[in-house]
PDB file of N, CA and C in Angstrom:
ATOM      1  N   MET A   1     -12.697   1.278 -14.652  1.00  0.00           N
ATOM      2  CA  MET A   1     -12.168   0.127 -13.950  1.00  0.00           C
ATOM      3  C   MET A   1     -10.835   0.463 -13.282  1.00  0.00           C
ATOM      4  N   GLU A   2     -10.016   1.262 -13.938  1.00  0.00           N
ATOM      5  CA  GLU A   2      -8.728   1.639 -13.372  1.00  0.00           C
ATOM      6  C   GLU A   2      -8.930   2.382 -12.056  1.00  0.00           C
ATOM      7  N   ASN A   3      -9.951   3.221 -12.017  1.00  0.00           N
ATOM      8  CA  ASN A   3     -10.251   3.951 -10.794  1.00  0.00           C
ATOM      9  C   ASN A   3     -10.625   2.996  -9.670  1.00  0.00           C
ATOM     10  N   ASP A   4     -11.354   1.910 -10.005  1.00  0.00           N
ATOM     11  CA  ASP A   4     -11.728   0.912  -9.009  1.00  0.00           C
ATOM     12  C   ASP A   4     -10.492   0.259  -8.404  1.00  0.00           C
ATOM     13  N   LYS A   5      -9.482  -0.003  -9.226  1.00  0.00           N
ATOM     14  CA  LYS A   5      -8.266  -0.620  -8.712  1.00  0.00           C
ATOM     15  C   LYS A   5      -7.543   0.311  -7.758  1.00  0.00           C
ATOM     16  N   PHE A   6      -7.523   1.597  -8.054  1.00  0.00           N
ATOM     17  CA  PHE A   6      -6.904   2.534  -7.130  1.00  0.00           C
ATOM     18  C   PHE A   6      -7.726   2.652  -5.855  1.00  0.00           C
ATOM     19  N   THR A   7      -9.031   2.500  -5.952  1.00  0.00           N
ATOM     20  CA  THR A   7      -9.882   2.519  -4.766  1.00  0.00           C
ATOM     21  C   THR A   7      -9.577   1.319  -3.883  1.00  0.00           C
ATOM     22  N   VAL A   8      -9.410   0.163  -4.484  1.00  0.00           N
ATOM     23  CA  VAL A   8      -9.066  -1.046  -3.728  1.00  0.00           C
ATOM     24  C   VAL A   8      -7.706  -0.863  -3.059  1.00  0.00           C
ATOM     25  N   LEU A   9      -6.748  -0.301  -3.779  1.00  0.00           N
ATOM     26  CA  LEU A   9      -5.429  -0.052  -3.218  1.00  0.00           C
ATOM     27  C   LEU A   9      -5.520   0.947  -2.060  1.00  0.00           C
ATOM     28  N   LYS A  10      -6.283   2.000  -2.251  1.00  0.00           N
ATOM     29  CA  LYS A  10      -6.455   3.015  -1.204  1.00  0.00           C
ATOM     30  C   LYS A  10      -7.047   2.388   0.058  1.00  0.00           C
ATOM     31  N   ASN A  11      -8.044   1.540  -0.100  1.00  0.00           N
ATOM     32  CA  ASN A  11      -8.666   0.873   1.046  1.00  0.00           C
ATOM     33  C   ASN A  11      -7.692  -0.074   1.736  1.00  0.00           C
ATOM     34  N   SER A  12      -6.878  -0.746   0.953  1.00  0.00           N
ATOM     35  CA  SER A  12      -5.886  -1.656   1.515  1.00  0.00           C
ATOM     36  C   SER A  12      -4.836  -0.888   2.319  1.00  0.00           C
ATOM     37  N   VAL A  13      -4.384   0.221   1.788  1.00  0.00           N
ATOM     38  CA  VAL A  13      -3.406   1.053   2.493  1.00  0.00           C
ATOM     39  C   VAL A  13      -4.034   1.626   3.768  1.00  0.00           C
ATOM     40  N   GLN A  14      -5.294   2.015   3.707  1.00  0.00           N
ATOM     41  CA  GLN A  14      -5.966   2.536   4.896  1.00  0.00           C
ATOM     42  C   GLN A  14      -6.072   1.457   5.965  1.00  0.00           C
ATOM     43  N   ALA A  15      -6.349   0.231   5.566  1.00  0.00           N
ATOM     44  CA  ALA A  15      -6.396  -0.879   6.521  1.00  0.00           C
ATOM     45  C   ALA A  15      -5.026  -1.078   7.168  1.00  0.00           C
ATOM     46  N   LEU A  16      -3.974  -0.931   6.386  1.00  0.00           N
ATOM     47  CA  LEU A  16      -2.611  -1.024   6.907  1.00  0.00           C
ATOM     48  C   LEU A  16      -2.363   0.061   7.955  1.00  0.00           C
ATOM     49  N   ILE A  17      -2.754   1.281   7.647  1.00  0.00           N
ATOM     50  CA  ILE A  17      -2.583   2.393   8.586  1.00  0.00           C
ATOM     51  C   ILE A  17      -3.388   2.148   9.861  1.00  0.00           C
ATOM     52  N   ASP A  18      -4.587   1.614   9.711  1.00  0.00           N
ATOM     53  CA  ASP A  18      -5.417   1.296  10.873  1.00  0.00           C
ATOM     54  C   ASP A  18      -4.749   0.250  11.758  1.00  0.00           C
ATOM     55  N   CYS A  19      -4.110  -0.747  11.146  1.00  0.00           N
ATOM     56  CA  CYS A  19      -3.393  -1.775  11.911  1.00  0.00           C
ATOM     57  C   CYS A  19      -2.226  -1.168  12.678  1.00  0.00           C
ATOM     58  N   LEU A  20      -1.521  -0.252  12.041  1.00  0.00           N
ATOM     59  CA  LEU A  20      -0.418   0.421  12.732  1.00  0.00           C
ATOM     60  C   LEU A  20      -0.932   1.242  13.908  1.00  0.00           C
ATOM     61  N   ALA A  21      -2.046   1.919  13.714  1.00  0.00           N
ATOM     62  CA  ALA A  21      -2.625   2.731  14.782  1.00  0.00           C
ATOM     63  C   ALA A  21      -3.072   1.861  15.958  1.00  0.00           C
ATOM     64  N   ALA A  22      -3.514   0.637  15.649  1.00  0.00           N
ATOM     65  CA  ALA A  22      -3.950  -0.298  16.684  1.00  0.00           C
ATOM     66  C   ALA A  22      -2.775  -1.088  17.263  1.00  0.00           C
ATOM     67  N   LYS A  23      -1.558  -0.777  16.796  1.00  0.00           N
ATOM     68  CA  LYS A  23      -0.332  -1.443  17.241  1.00  0.00           C
ATOM     69  C   LYS A  23      -0.375  -2.951  16.994  1.00  0.00           C
ATOM     70  N   ASN A  24      -0.944  -3.323  15.853  1.00  0.00           N
ATOM     71  CA  ASN A  24      -1.029  -4.726  15.454  1.00  0.00           C
ATOM     72  C   ASN A  24      -0.023  -4.958  14.327  1.00  0.00           C
ATOM     73  N   SER A  25       1.216  -5.194  14.686  1.00  0.00           N
ATOM     74  CA  SER A  25       2.304  -5.305  13.706  1.00  0.00           C
ATOM     75  C   SER A  25       2.151  -6.494  12.774  1.00  0.00           C
ATOM     76  N   ILE A  26       1.661  -7.599  13.294  1.00  0.00           N
ATOM     77  CA  ILE A  26       1.526  -8.805  12.464  1.00  0.00           C
ATOM     78  C   ILE A  26       0.502  -8.577  11.355  1.00  0.00           C
ATOM     79  N   GLU A  27      -0.655  -8.052  11.706  1.00  0.00           N
ATOM     80  CA  GLU A  27      -1.685  -7.772  10.703  1.00  0.00           C
ATOM     81  C   GLU A  27      -1.224  -6.664   9.758  1.00  0.00           C
ATOM     82  N   ALA A  28      -0.452  -5.720  10.270  1.00  0.00           N
ATOM     83  CA  ALA A  28       0.081  -4.652   9.424  1.00  0.00           C
ATOM     84  C   ALA A  28       1.005  -5.227   8.358  1.00  0.00           C
ATOM     85  N   GLN A  29       1.814  -6.211   8.723  1.00  0.00           N
ATOM     86  CA  GLN A  29       2.693  -6.854   7.749  1.00  0.00           C
ATOM     87  C   GLN A  29       1.898  -7.570   6.667  1.00  0.00           C
ATOM     88  N   VAL A  30       0.806  -8.213   7.061  1.00  0.00           N
ATOM     89  CA  VAL A  30      -0.064  -8.886   6.088  1.00  0.00           C
ATOM     90  C   VAL A  30      -0.678  -7.860   5.140  1.00  0.00           C
ATOM     91  N   GLN A  31      -1.172  -6.768   5.703  1.00  0.00           N
ATOM     92  CA  GLN A  31      -1.769  -5.711   4.881  1.00  0.00           C
ATOM     93  C   GLN A  31      -0.740  -5.079   3.956  1.00  0.00           C
ATOM     94  N   LEU A  32       0.477  -4.917   4.448  1.00  0.00           N
ATOM     95  CA  LEU A  32       1.548  -4.355   3.624  1.00  0.00           C
ATOM     96  C   LEU A  32       1.815  -5.260   2.424  1.00  0.00           C
ATOM     97  N   GLN A  33       1.855  -6.556   2.663  1.00  0.00           N
ATOM     98  CA  GLN A  33       2.086  -7.511   1.569  1.00  0.00           C
ATOM     99  C   GLN A  33       0.956  -7.439   0.541  1.00  0.00           C
ATOM    100  N   GLN A  34      -0.271  -7.396   1.011  1.00  0.00           N
ATOM    101  CA  GLN A  34      -1.417  -7.318   0.103  1.00  0.00           C
ATOM    102  C   GLN A  34      -1.396  -6.016  -0.694  1.00  0.00           C
ATOM    103  N   SER A  35      -1.104  -4.926  -0.029  1.00  0.00           N
ATOM    104  CA  SER A  35      -1.038  -3.638  -0.710  1.00  0.00           C
ATOM    105  C   SER A  35       0.079  -3.620  -1.746  1.00  0.00           C
ATOM    106  N   SER A  36       1.210  -4.201  -1.402  1.00  0.00           N
ATOM    107  CA  SER A  36       2.334  -4.258  -2.336  1.00  0.00           C
ATOM    108  C   SER A  36       1.995  -5.080  -3.568  1.00  0.00           C
ATOM    109  N   GLU A  37       1.280  -6.173  -3.371  1.00  0.00           N
ATOM    110  CA  GLU A  37       0.866  -7.002  -4.503  1.00  0.00           C
ATOM    111  C   GLU A  37      -0.097  -6.245  -5.413  1.00  0.00           C
ATOM    112  N   LEU A  38      -1.037  -5.524  -4.819  1.00  0.00           N
ATOM    113  CA  LEU A  38      -1.961  -4.710  -5.616  1.00  0.00           C
ATOM    114  C   LEU A  38      -1.201  -3.648  -6.402  1.00  0.00           C
ATOM    115  N   LEU A  39      -0.242  -3.027  -5.752  1.00  0.00           N
ATOM    116  CA  LEU A  39       0.554  -1.993  -6.400  1.00  0.00           C
ATOM    117  C   LEU A  39       1.363  -2.568  -7.561  1.00  0.00           C
ATOM    118  N   ASP A  40       1.951  -3.735  -7.358  1.00  0.00           N
ATOM    119  CA  ASP A  40       2.708  -4.391  -8.429  1.00  0.00           C
ATOM    120  C   ASP A  40       1.811  -4.712  -9.622  1.00  0.00           C
ATOM    121  N   GLU A  41       0.610  -5.171  -9.332  1.00  0.00           N
ATOM    122  CA  GLU A  41      -0.342  -5.469 -10.403  1.00  0.00           C
ATOM    123  C   GLU A  41      -0.709  -4.215 -11.192  1.00  0.00           C
ATOM    124  N   LEU A  42      -0.954  -3.130 -10.471  1.00  0.00           N
ATOM    125  CA  LEU A  42      -1.263  -1.865 -11.141  1.00  0.00           C
ATOM    126  C   LEU A  42      -0.096  -1.390 -11.986  1.00  0.00           C
ATOM    127  N   LEU A  43       1.101  -1.554 -11.472  1.00  0.00           N
ATOM    128  CA  LEU A  43       2.290  -1.138 -12.213  1.00  0.00           C
ATOM    129  C   LEU A  43       2.423  -1.934 -13.507  1.00  0.00           C
ATOM    130  N   ASP A  44       2.149  -3.218 -13.441  1.00  0.00           N
ATOM    131  CA  ASP A  44       2.232  -4.067 -14.630  1.00  0.00           C
ATOM    132  C   ASP A  44       1.193  -3.689 -15.682  1.00  0.00           C
ATOM    133  N   LEU A  45       0.038  -3.226 -15.229  1.00  0.00           N
ATOM    134  CA  LEU A  45      -1.070  -2.960 -16.148  1.00  0.00           C
ATOM    135  C   LEU A  45      -1.196  -1.494 -16.559  1.00  0.00           C
ATOM    136  N   SER A  46      -0.411  -0.633 -15.959  1.00  0.00           N
ATOM    137  CA  SER A  46      -0.570   0.800 -16.231  1.00  0.00           C
ATOM    138  C   SER A  46      -0.032   1.170 -17.609  1.00  0.00           C
ATOM    139  N   GLU A  47      -0.704   2.124 -18.206  1.00  0.00           N
ATOM    140  CA  GLU A  47      -0.310   2.588 -19.537  1.00  0.00           C
ATOM    141  C   GLU A  47      -0.138   4.104 -19.592  1.00  0.00           C
ATOM    142  N   SER A  48      -0.752   4.810 -18.681  1.00  0.00           N
ATOM    143  CA  SER A  48      -0.697   6.270 -18.749  1.00  0.00           C
ATOM    144  C   SER A  48       0.300   6.836 -17.734  1.00  0.00           C
ATOM    145  N   ASP A  49       0.801   8.001 -18.055  1.00  0.00           N
ATOM    146  CA  ASP A  49       1.726   8.686 -17.147  1.00  0.00           C
ATOM    147  C   ASP A  49       1.023   9.062 -15.843  1.00  0.00           C
ATOM    148  N   GLU A  50      -0.229   9.419 -15.940  1.00  0.00           N
ATOM    149  CA  GLU A  50      -1.002   9.785 -14.753  1.00  0.00           C
ATOM    150  C   GLU A  50      -1.073   8.612 -13.773  1.00  0.00           C
ATOM    151  N   ASP A  51      -1.295   7.413 -14.298  1.00  0.00           N
ATOM    152  CA  ASP A  51      -1.328   6.229 -13.440  1.00  0.00           C
ATOM    153  C   ASP A  51       0.038   5.977 -12.807  1.00  0.00           C
ATOM    154  N   LEU A  52       1.089   6.157 -13.569  1.00  0.00           N
ATOM    155  CA  LEU A  52       2.434   5.938 -13.035  1.00  0.00           C
ATOM    156  C   LEU A  52       2.762   6.925 -11.917  1.00  0.00           C
ATOM    157  N   ILE A  53       2.268   8.141 -12.036  1.00  0.00           N
ATOM    158  CA  ILE A  53       2.482   9.135 -10.987  1.00  0.00           C
ATOM    159  C   ILE A  53       1.754   8.714  -9.712  1.00  0.00           C
ATOM    160  N   LYS A  54       0.500   8.268  -9.843  1.00  0.00           N
ATOM    161  CA  LYS A  54      -0.245   7.792  -8.681  1.00  0.00           C
ATOM    162  C   LYS A  54       0.453   6.598  -8.043  1.00  0.00           C
ATOM    163  N   ILE A  55       0.921   5.698  -8.876  1.00  0.00           N
ATOM    164  CA  ILE A  55       1.600   4.505  -8.382  1.00  0.00           C
ATOM    165  C   ILE A  55       2.860   4.887  -7.614  1.00  0.00           C
ATOM    166  N   SER A  56       3.610   5.852  -8.136  1.00  0.00           N
ATOM    167  CA  SER A  56       4.836   6.256  -7.452  1.00  0.00           C
ATOM    168  C   SER A  56       4.535   6.865  -6.086  1.00  0.00           C
ATOM    169  N   HIS A  57       3.429   7.577  -5.962  1.00  0.00           N
ATOM    170  CA  HIS A  57       3.039   8.131  -4.664  1.00  0.00           C
ATOM    171  C   HIS A  57       2.748   7.007  -3.678  1.00  0.00           C
ATOM    172  N   TYR A  58       2.039   5.996  -4.138  1.00  0.00           N
ATOM    173  CA  TYR A  58       1.744   4.857  -3.270  1.00  0.00           C
ATOM    174  C   TYR A  58       3.009   4.067  -2.929  1.00  0.00           C
ATOM    175  N   GLN A  59       3.954   3.980  -3.848  1.00  0.00           N
ATOM    176  CA  GLN A  59       5.212   3.287  -3.563  1.00  0.00           C
ATOM    177  C   GLN A  59       5.960   3.987  -2.428  1.00  0.00           C
ATOM    178  N   VAL A  60       6.011   5.293  -2.481  1.00  0.00           N
ATOM    179  CA  VAL A  60       6.678   6.060  -1.425  1.00  0.00           C
ATOM    180  C   VAL A  60       5.957   5.848  -0.092  1.00  0.00           C
ATOM    181  N   LEU A  61       4.646   5.919  -0.115  1.00  0.00           N
ATOM    182  CA  LEU A  61       3.870   5.733   1.107  1.00  0.00           C
ATOM    183  C   LEU A  61       4.088   4.345   1.693  1.00  0.00           C
ATOM    184  N   LEU A  62       4.038   3.309   0.849  1.00  0.00           N
ATOM    185  CA  LEU A  62       4.244   1.951   1.344  1.00  0.00           C
ATOM    186  C   LEU A  62       5.653   1.759   1.887  1.00  0.00           C
ATOM    187  N   ASN A  63       6.640   2.380   1.265  1.00  0.00           N
ATOM    188  CA  ASN A  63       8.007   2.296   1.785  1.00  0.00           C
ATOM    189  C   ASN A  63       8.102   2.939   3.167  1.00  0.00           C
ATOM    190  N   GLN A  64       7.443   4.071   3.351  1.00  0.00           N
ATOM    191  CA  GLN A  64       7.456   4.734   4.652  1.00  0.00           C
ATOM    192  C   GLN A  64       6.730   3.896   5.705  1.00  0.00           C
ATOM    193  N   LEU A  65       5.610   3.300   5.315  1.00  0.00           N
ATOM    194  CA  LEU A  65       4.873   2.456   6.256  1.00  0.00           C
ATOM    195  C   LEU A  65       5.675   1.206   6.600  1.00  0.00           C
ATOM    196  N   HIS A  66       6.387   0.661   5.622  1.00  0.00           N
ATOM    197  CA  HIS A  66       7.249  -0.494   5.882  1.00  0.00           C
ATOM    198  C   HIS A  66       8.312  -0.132   6.911  1.00  0.00           C
ATOM    199  N   GLN A  67       8.923   1.028   6.766  1.00  0.00           N
ATOM    200  CA  GLN A  67       9.918   1.474   7.747  1.00  0.00           C
ATOM    201  C   GLN A  67       9.295   1.625   9.137  1.00  0.00           C
ATOM    202  N   LYS A  68       8.064   2.082   9.172  1.00  0.00           N
ATOM    203  CA  LYS A  68       7.371   2.236  10.451  1.00  0.00           C
ATOM    204  C   LYS A  68       7.142   0.871  11.103  1.00  0.00           C
ATOM    205  N   ILE A  69       6.775  -0.122  10.318  1.00  0.00           N
ATOM    206  CA  ILE A  69       6.552  -1.472  10.827  1.00  0.00           C
ATOM    207  C   ILE A  69       7.861  -2.060  11.341  1.00  0.00           C
ATOM    208  N   VAL A  70       8.923  -1.910  10.560  1.00  0.00           N
ATOM    209  CA  VAL A  70      10.218  -2.474  10.911  1.00  0.00           C
ATOM    210  C   VAL A  70      10.777  -1.833  12.184  1.00  0.00           C
ATOM    211  N   SER A  71      10.537  -0.559  12.365  1.00  0.00           N
ATOM    212  CA  SER A  71      11.102   0.143  13.507  1.00  0.00           C
ATOM    213  C   SER A  71      10.340  -0.089  14.805  1.00  0.00           C
ATOM    214  N   LYS A  72       9.117  -0.644  14.711  1.00  0.00           N
ATOM    215  CA  LYS A  72       8.327  -0.880  15.920  1.00  0.00           C
ATOM    216  C   LYS A  72       8.739  -2.178  16.583  1.00  0.00           C
ATOM    217  N   PRO A  73       8.962  -2.158  17.893  1.00  0.00           N
ATOM    218  CA  PRO A  73       9.234  -3.413  18.595  1.00  0.00           C
ATOM    219  C   PRO A  73       7.947  -4.229  18.722  1.00  0.00           C
ATOM    220  N   GLU A  74       8.085  -5.523  18.692  1.00  0.00           N
ATOM    221  CA  GLU A  74       6.921  -6.428  18.793  1.00  0.00           C
ATOM    222  C   GLU A  74       6.307  -6.369  20.171  1.00  0.00           C
TER     223      GLU A  74
END
């Protein structure tokens, strides 16, 4: 089940990247919020160090994508 949650997070992040590629900043912000919520949920439920490492990688990626969204003009 834990793997399924990371799959859902991965798909959500990919949708965010797709929105950025399509230059759809508004939808990208929505996807970023959804991805962040999924990540927060995983962080709350994680018990293993391996999960925490995966989560930290996604946190860095989401922070970089957030900067990309913020830096793009509407």
